[in-house]
Amino acid sequence: MDQMPLQTYIQSLSASLTADQMANMDPEEIVRRLEVSDLTFNCAKVFVAMIPVLMFYPFLQRFFVTGMVVGAVKE
């Protein structure tokens, strides 16, 4: 698989089912896929996309604070 941004990959996961994919599934699995709410899936996508930001922000926070302080100094 080619490298792509996380949001693009998540969007490709939510693409609609093609006829070929539905032919290989049993009816119960098709019903389960159709029962998943769009709102539920969209919330899960947002949560997964936030994980890298939440992991790296505590380590990079000092750079954000330094940048704000430097921008606030008036001479």
PDB file of N, CA and C in Angstrom:
ATOM      1  N   MET A   1       0.832  -1.175   0.000  1.00  0.00           N
ATOM      2  CA  MET A   1       0.000   0.000   0.000  1.00  0.00           C
ATOM      3  C   MET A   1       0.880   1.244   0.000  1.00  0.00           C
ATOM      4  N   ASP A   2       0.525   2.213  -0.784  1.00  0.00           N
ATOM      5  CA  ASP A   2       1.281   3.465  -0.833  1.00  0.00           C
ATOM      6  C   ASP A   2       1.140   4.212   0.484  1.00  0.00           C
ATOM      7  N   GLN A   3       2.125   5.056   0.743  1.00  0.00           N
ATOM      8  CA  GLN A   3       2.029   5.875   1.945  1.00  0.00           C
ATOM      9  C   GLN A   3       1.025   6.991   1.708  1.00  0.00           C
ATOM     10  N   MET A   4       0.173   7.225   2.689  1.00  0.00           N
ATOM     11  CA  MET A   4      -0.812   8.290   2.598  1.00  0.00           C
ATOM     12  C   MET A   4      -1.070   8.840   3.985  1.00  0.00           C
ATOM     13  N   PRO A   5      -1.584  10.065   4.071  1.00  0.00           N
ATOM     14  CA  PRO A   5      -1.890  10.630   5.389  1.00  0.00           C
ATOM     15  C   PRO A   5      -2.946   9.801   6.114  1.00  0.00           C
ATOM     16  N   LEU A   6      -2.936   9.898   7.433  1.00  0.00           N
ATOM     17  CA  LEU A   6      -3.846   9.109   8.258  1.00  0.00           C
ATOM     18  C   LEU A   6      -5.309   9.376   7.905  1.00  0.00           C
ATOM     19  N   GLN A   7      -5.673  10.647   7.724  1.00  0.00           N
ATOM     20  CA  GLN A   7      -7.060  10.979   7.426  1.00  0.00           C
ATOM     21  C   GLN A   7      -7.505  10.387   6.089  1.00  0.00           C
ATOM     22  N   THR A   8      -6.631  10.368   5.110  1.00  0.00           N
ATOM     23  CA  THR A   8      -6.968   9.793   3.802  1.00  0.00           C
ATOM     24  C   THR A   8      -7.172   8.288   3.920  1.00  0.00           C
ATOM     25  N   TYR A   9      -6.325   7.639   4.705  1.00  0.00           N
ATOM     26  CA  TYR A   9      -6.464   6.196   4.907  1.00  0.00           C
ATOM     27  C   TYR A   9      -7.776   5.876   5.615  1.00  0.00           C
ATOM     28  N   ILE A  10      -8.114   6.652   6.634  1.00  0.00           N
ATOM     29  CA  ILE A  10      -9.363   6.417   7.362  1.00  0.00           C
ATOM     30  C   ILE A  10     -10.555   6.628   6.442  1.00  0.00           C
ATOM     31  N   GLN A  11     -10.491   7.633   5.586  1.00  0.00           N
ATOM     32  CA  GLN A  11     -11.585   7.865   4.642  1.00  0.00           C
ATOM     33  C   GLN A  11     -11.718   6.701   3.665  1.00  0.00           C
ATOM     34  N   SER A  12     -10.605   6.117   3.256  1.00  0.00           N
ATOM     35  CA  SER A  12     -10.679   4.975   2.338  1.00  0.00           C
ATOM     36  C   SER A  12     -11.320   3.764   3.014  1.00  0.00           C
ATOM     37  N   LEU A  13     -11.187   3.663   4.329  1.00  0.00           N
ATOM     38  CA  LEU A  13     -11.838   2.577   5.051  1.00  0.00           C
ATOM     39  C   LEU A  13     -13.352   2.721   5.040  1.00  0.00           C
ATOM     40  N   SER A  14     -13.816   3.952   5.002  1.00  0.00           N
ATOM     41  CA  SER A  14     -15.258   4.181   5.079  1.00  0.00           C
ATOM     42  C   SER A  14     -15.914   4.225   3.705  1.00  0.00           C
ATOM     43  N   ALA A  15     -15.185   3.912   2.663  1.00  0.00           N
ATOM     44  CA  ALA A  15     -15.772   3.891   1.324  1.00  0.00           C
ATOM     45  C   ALA A  15     -16.885   2.861   1.265  1.00  0.00           C
ATOM     46  N   SER A  16     -17.847   3.119   0.440  1.00  0.00           N
ATOM     47  CA  SER A  16     -18.997   2.210   0.370  1.00  0.00           C
ATOM     48  C   SER A  16     -18.585   0.835  -0.159  1.00  0.00           C
ATOM     49  N   LEU A  17     -19.383  -0.145   0.162  1.00  0.00           N
ATOM     50  CA  LEU A  17     -19.095  -1.512  -0.265  1.00  0.00           C
ATOM     51  C   LEU A  17     -19.344  -1.667  -1.759  1.00  0.00           C
ATOM     52  N   THR A  18     -18.430  -2.329  -2.416  1.00  0.00           N
ATOM     53  CA  THR A  18     -18.618  -2.605  -3.841  1.00  0.00           C
ATOM     54  C   THR A  18     -19.343  -3.935  -3.994  1.00  0.00           C
ATOM     55  N   ALA A  19     -19.822  -4.203  -5.192  1.00  0.00           N
ATOM     56  CA  ALA A  19     -20.543  -5.447  -5.457  1.00  0.00           C
ATOM     57  C   ALA A  19     -19.641  -6.660  -5.248  1.00  0.00           C
ATOM     58  N   ASP A  20     -18.356  -6.542  -5.589  1.00  0.00           N
ATOM     59  CA  ASP A  20     -17.420  -7.655  -5.398  1.00  0.00           C
ATOM     60  C   ASP A  20     -17.251  -7.980  -3.917  1.00  0.00           C
ATOM     61  N   GLN A  21     -17.156  -6.949  -3.091  1.00  0.00           N
ATOM     62  CA  GLN A  21     -17.003  -7.178  -1.660  1.00  0.00           C
ATOM     63  C   GLN A  21     -18.261  -7.807  -1.077  1.00  0.00           C
ATOM     64  N   MET A  22     -19.424  -7.348  -1.516  1.00  0.00           N
ATOM     65  CA  MET A  22     -20.674  -7.878  -0.986  1.00  0.00           C
ATOM     66  C   MET A  22     -20.896  -9.320  -1.421  1.00  0.00           C
ATOM     67  N   ALA A  23     -20.370  -9.700  -2.574  1.00  0.00           N
ATOM     68  CA  ALA A  23     -20.535 -11.078  -3.049  1.00  0.00           C
ATOM     69  C   ALA A  23     -19.773 -12.068  -2.175  1.00  0.00           C
ATOM     70  N   ASN A  24     -18.672 -11.609  -1.567  1.00  0.00           N
ATOM     71  CA  ASN A  24     -17.856 -12.485  -0.737  1.00  0.00           C
ATOM     72  C   ASN A  24     -18.293 -12.518   0.722  1.00  0.00           C
ATOM     73  N   MET A  25     -19.279 -11.708   1.098  1.00  0.00           N
ATOM     74  CA  MET A  25     -19.728 -11.651   2.495  1.00  0.00           C
ATOM     75  C   MET A  25     -20.983 -12.486   2.689  1.00  0.00           C
ATOM     76  N   ASP A  26     -21.124 -12.987   3.913  1.00  0.00           N
ATOM     77  CA  ASP A  26     -22.378 -13.663   4.224  1.00  0.00           C
ATOM     78  C   ASP A  26     -23.422 -12.600   4.606  1.00  0.00           C
ATOM     79  N   PRO A  27     -24.695 -12.922   4.516  1.00  0.00           N
ATOM     80  CA  PRO A  27     -25.746 -11.919   4.766  1.00  0.00           C
ATOM     81  C   PRO A  27     -25.690 -11.289   6.158  1.00  0.00           C
ATOM     82  N   GLU A  28     -25.263 -12.030   7.153  1.00  0.00           N
ATOM     83  CA  GLU A  28     -25.180 -11.479   8.500  1.00  0.00           C
ATOM     84  C   GLU A  28     -24.138 -10.375   8.594  1.00  0.00           C
ATOM     85  N   GLU A  29     -23.026 -10.559   7.902  1.00  0.00           N
ATOM     86  CA  GLU A  29     -21.978  -9.539   7.925  1.00  0.00           C
ATOM     87  C   GLU A  29     -22.431  -8.281   7.191  1.00  0.00           C
ATOM     88  N   ILE A  30     -23.169  -8.438   6.115  1.00  0.00           N
ATOM     89  CA  ILE A  30     -23.701  -7.280   5.392  1.00  0.00           C
ATOM     90  C   ILE A  30     -24.654  -6.501   6.287  1.00  0.00           C
ATOM     91  N   VAL A  31     -25.513  -7.201   7.010  1.00  0.00           N
ATOM     92  CA  VAL A  31     -26.456  -6.535   7.918  1.00  0.00           C
ATOM     93  C   VAL A  31     -25.704  -5.795   9.014  1.00  0.00           C
ATOM     94  N   ARG A  32     -24.656  -6.410   9.562  1.00  0.00           N
ATOM     95  CA  ARG A  32     -23.863  -5.740  10.598  1.00  0.00           C
ATOM     96  C   ARG A  32     -23.209  -4.475  10.075  1.00  0.00           C
ATOM     97  N   ARG A  33     -22.682  -4.518   8.867  1.00  0.00           N
ATOM     98  CA  ARG A  33     -22.054  -3.328   8.287  1.00  0.00           C
ATOM     99  C   ARG A  33     -23.058  -2.216   8.045  1.00  0.00           C
ATOM    100  N   LEU A  34     -24.267  -2.590   7.648  1.00  0.00           N
ATOM    101  CA  LEU A  34     -25.285  -1.584   7.379  1.00  0.00           C
ATOM    102  C   LEU A  34     -25.872  -1.001   8.662  1.00  0.00           C
ATOM    103  N   GLU A  35     -25.784  -1.732   9.775  1.00  0.00           N
ATOM    104  CA  GLU A  35     -26.333  -1.251  11.035  1.00  0.00           C
ATOM    105  C   GLU A  35     -25.447  -0.210  11.709  1.00  0.00           C
ATOM    106  N   VAL A  36     -24.182  -0.160  11.347  1.00  0.00           N
ATOM    107  CA  VAL A  36     -23.277   0.804  11.960  1.00  0.00           C
ATOM    108  C   VAL A  36     -23.680   2.204  11.510  1.00  0.00           C
ATOM    109  N   SER A  37     -23.950   3.037  12.477  1.00  0.00           N
ATOM    110  CA  SER A  37     -24.387   4.404  12.195  1.00  0.00           C
ATOM    111  C   SER A  37     -23.246   5.220  11.594  1.00  0.00           C
ATOM    112  N   ASP A  38     -23.576   6.146  10.709  1.00  0.00           N
ATOM    113  CA  ASP A  38     -22.560   7.045  10.156  1.00  0.00           C
ATOM    114  C   ASP A  38     -21.972   7.923  11.255  1.00  0.00           C
ATOM    115  N   LEU A  39     -22.814   8.337  12.194  1.00  0.00           N
ATOM    116  CA  LEU A  39     -22.345   9.179  13.289  1.00  0.00           C
ATOM    117  C   LEU A  39     -21.333   8.424  14.143  1.00  0.00           C
ATOM    118  N   THR A  40     -21.612   7.179  14.442  1.00  0.00           N
ATOM    119  CA  THR A  40     -20.690   6.368  15.240  1.00  0.00           C
ATOM    120  C   THR A  40     -19.359   6.205  14.527  1.00  0.00           C
ATOM    121  N   PHE A  41     -19.410   5.915  13.238  1.00  0.00           N
ATOM    122  CA  PHE A  41     -18.179   5.711  12.474  1.00  0.00           C
ATOM    123  C   PHE A  41     -17.396   7.013  12.353  1.00  0.00           C
ATOM    124  N   ASN A  42     -18.085   8.130  12.145  1.00  0.00           N
ATOM    125  CA  ASN A  42     -17.403   9.423  12.041  1.00  0.00           C
ATOM    126  C   ASN A  42     -16.743   9.802  13.359  1.00  0.00           C
ATOM    127  N   CYS A  43     -17.395   9.529  14.475  1.00  0.00           N
ATOM    128  CA  CYS A  43     -16.794   9.807  15.784  1.00  0.00           C
ATOM    129  C   CYS A  43     -15.542   8.959  15.996  1.00  0.00           C
ATOM    130  N   ALA A  44     -15.599   7.710  15.585  1.00  0.00           N
ATOM    131  CA  ALA A  44     -14.429   6.840  15.703  1.00  0.00           C
ATOM    132  C   ALA A  44     -13.281   7.343  14.832  1.00  0.00           C
ATOM    133  N   LYS A  45     -13.588   7.831  13.639  1.00  0.00           N
ATOM    134  CA  LYS A  45     -12.541   8.363  12.762  1.00  0.00           C
ATOM    135  C   LYS A  45     -11.875   9.584  13.378  1.00  0.00           C
ATOM    136  N   VAL A  46     -12.669  10.471  13.966  1.00  0.00           N
ATOM    137  CA  VAL A  46     -12.120  11.669  14.600  1.00  0.00           C
ATOM    138  C   VAL A  46     -11.230  11.285  15.773  1.00  0.00           C
ATOM    139  N   PHE A  47     -11.673  10.342  16.583  1.00  0.00           N
ATOM    140  CA  PHE A  47     -10.888   9.909  17.736  1.00  0.00           C
ATOM    141  C   PHE A  47      -9.553   9.311  17.302  1.00  0.00           C
ATOM    142  N   VAL A  48      -9.570   8.452  16.300  1.00  0.00           N
ATOM    143  CA  VAL A  48      -8.333   7.824  15.822  1.00  0.00           C
ATOM    144  C   VAL A  48      -7.394   8.870  15.227  1.00  0.00           C
ATOM    145  N   ALA A  49      -7.933   9.869  14.546  1.00  0.00           N
ATOM    146  CA  ALA A  49      -7.093  10.908  13.954  1.00  0.00           C
ATOM    147  C   ALA A  49      -6.480  11.819  15.016  1.00  0.00           C
ATOM    148  N   MET A  50      -7.098  11.922  16.197  1.00  0.00           N
ATOM    149  CA  MET A  50      -6.574  12.775  17.271  1.00  0.00           C
ATOM    150  C   MET A  50      -5.459  12.114  18.061  1.00  0.00           C
ATOM    151  N   ILE A  51      -5.354  10.812  18.017  1.00  0.00           N
ATOM    152  CA  ILE A  51      -4.373  10.102  18.848  1.00  0.00           C
ATOM    153  C   ILE A  51      -2.934  10.577  18.619  1.00  0.00           C
ATOM    154  N   PRO A  52      -2.442  10.711  17.377  1.00  0.00           N
ATOM    155  CA  PRO A  52      -1.056  11.179  17.216  1.00  0.00           C
ATOM    156  C   PRO A  52      -0.830  12.584  17.781  1.00  0.00           C
ATOM    157  N   VAL A  53      -1.795  13.463  17.625  1.00  0.00           N
ATOM    158  CA  VAL A  53      -1.658  14.820  18.160  1.00  0.00           C
ATOM    159  C   VAL A  53      -1.578  14.770  19.678  1.00  0.00           C
ATOM    160  N   LEU A  54      -2.429  13.981  20.304  1.00  0.00           N
ATOM    161  CA  LEU A  54      -2.429  13.883  21.761  1.00  0.00           C
ATOM    162  C   LEU A  54      -1.164  13.218  22.291  1.00  0.00           C
ATOM    163  N   MET A  55      -0.537  12.380  21.492  1.00  0.00           N
ATOM    164  CA  MET A  55       0.692  11.718  21.936  1.00  0.00           C
ATOM    165  C   MET A  55       1.891  12.661  21.889  1.00  0.00           C
ATOM    166  N   PHE A  56       1.985  13.505  20.865  1.00  0.00           N
ATOM    167  CA  PHE A  56       3.163  14.336  20.679  1.00  0.00           C
ATOM    168  C   PHE A  56       3.057  15.717  21.316  1.00  0.00           C
ATOM    169  N   TYR A  57       1.850  16.201  21.572  1.00  0.00           N
ATOM    170  CA  TYR A  57       1.701  17.551  22.113  1.00  0.00           C
ATOM    171  C   TYR A  57       2.420  17.758  23.447  1.00  0.00           C
ATOM    172  N   PRO A  58       2.325  16.839  24.418  1.00  0.00           N
ATOM    173  CA  PRO A  58       3.033  17.091  25.692  1.00  0.00           C
ATOM    174  C   PRO A  58       4.542  17.275  25.529  1.00  0.00           C
ATOM    175  N   PHE A  59       5.137  16.600  24.557  1.00  0.00           N
ATOM    176  CA  PHE A  59       6.580  16.727  24.351  1.00  0.00           C
ATOM    177  C   PHE A  59       6.951  18.007  23.602  1.00  0.00           C
ATOM    178  N   LEU A  60       6.043  18.516  22.794  1.00  0.00           N
ATOM    179  CA  LEU A  60       6.322  19.720  22.006  1.00  0.00           C
ATOM    180  C   LEU A  60       5.712  20.981  22.614  1.00  0.00           C
ATOM    181  N   GLN A  61       5.070  20.861  23.754  1.00  0.00           N
ATOM    182  CA  GLN A  61       4.378  21.993  24.361  1.00  0.00           C
ATOM    183  C   GLN A  61       5.332  23.133  24.696  1.00  0.00           C
ATOM    184  N   ARG A  62       6.550  22.830  25.119  1.00  0.00           N
ATOM    185  CA  ARG A  62       7.479  23.897  25.490  1.00  0.00           C
ATOM    186  C   ARG A  62       7.817  24.784  24.304  1.00  0.00           C
ATOM    187  N   PHE A  63       7.828  24.218  23.087  1.00  0.00           N
ATOM    188  CA  PHE A  63       8.097  25.031  21.910  1.00  0.00           C
ATOM    189  C   PHE A  63       6.937  25.972  21.605  1.00  0.00           C
ATOM    190  N   PHE A  64       5.711  25.520  21.841  1.00  0.00           N
ATOM    191  CA  PHE A  64       4.552  26.385  21.637  1.00  0.00           C
ATOM    192  C   PHE A  64       4.564  27.546  22.634  1.00  0.00           C
ATOM    193  N   VAL A  65       4.873  27.242  23.895  1.00  0.00           N
ATOM    194  CA  VAL A  65       4.907  28.279  24.924  1.00  0.00           C
ATOM    195  C   VAL A  65       6.019  29.283  24.622  1.00  0.00           C
ATOM    196  N   THR A  66       7.189  28.801  24.227  1.00  0.00           N
ATOM    197  CA  THR A  66       8.305  29.691  23.891  1.00  0.00           C
ATOM    198  C   THR A  66       7.931  30.597  22.727  1.00  0.00           C
ATOM    199  N   GLY A  67       7.278  30.058  21.732  1.00  0.00           N
ATOM    200  CA  GLY A  67       6.870  30.864  20.577  1.00  0.00           C
ATOM    201  C   GLY A  67       5.870  31.933  20.952  1.00  0.00           C
ATOM    202  N   MET A  68       4.949  31.624  21.869  1.00  0.00           N
ATOM    203  CA  MET A  68       3.968  32.622  22.291  1.00  0.00           C
ATOM    204  C   MET A  68       4.625  33.726  23.109  1.00  0.00           C
ATOM    205  N   VAL A  69       5.576  33.358  23.958  1.00  0.00           N
ATOM    206  CA  VAL A  69       6.255  34.356  24.792  1.00  0.00           C
ATOM    207  C   VAL A  69       7.095  35.276  23.926  1.00  0.00           C
ATOM    208  N   VAL A  70       7.803  34.747  22.952  1.00  0.00           N
ATOM    209  CA  VAL A  70       8.637  35.558  22.072  1.00  0.00           C
ATOM    210  C   VAL A  70       7.760  36.515  21.260  1.00  0.00           C
ATOM    211  N   GLY A  71       6.611  36.056  20.845  1.00  0.00           N
ATOM    212  CA  GLY A  71       5.719  36.924  20.078  1.00  0.00           C
ATOM    213  C   GLY A  71       5.066  37.997  20.908  1.00  0.00           C
ATOM    214  N   ALA A  72       4.994  37.816  22.238  1.00  0.00           N
ATOM    215  CA  ALA A  72       4.324  38.777  23.111  1.00  0.00           C
ATOM    216  C   ALA A  72       5.258  39.865  23.621  1.00  0.00           C
ATOM    217  N   VAL A  73       6.573  39.697  23.463  1.00  0.00           N
ATOM    218  CA  VAL A  73       7.530  40.680  23.958  1.00  0.00           C
ATOM    219  C   VAL A  73       7.508  41.908  23.058  1.00  0.00           C
ATOM    220  N   LYS A  74       7.372  43.051  23.674  1.00  0.00           N
ATOM    221  CA  LYS A  74       7.332  44.297  22.909  1.00  0.00           C
ATOM    222  C   LYS A  74       8.519  45.158  23.340  1.00  0.00           C
ATOM    223  N   GLU A  75       9.246  45.684  22.391  1.00  0.00           N
ATOM    224  CA  GLU A  75      10.421  46.471  22.748  1.00  0.00           C
ATOM    225  C   GLU A  75      10.240  47.916  22.405  1.00  0.00           C
TER     226      GLU A  75
END
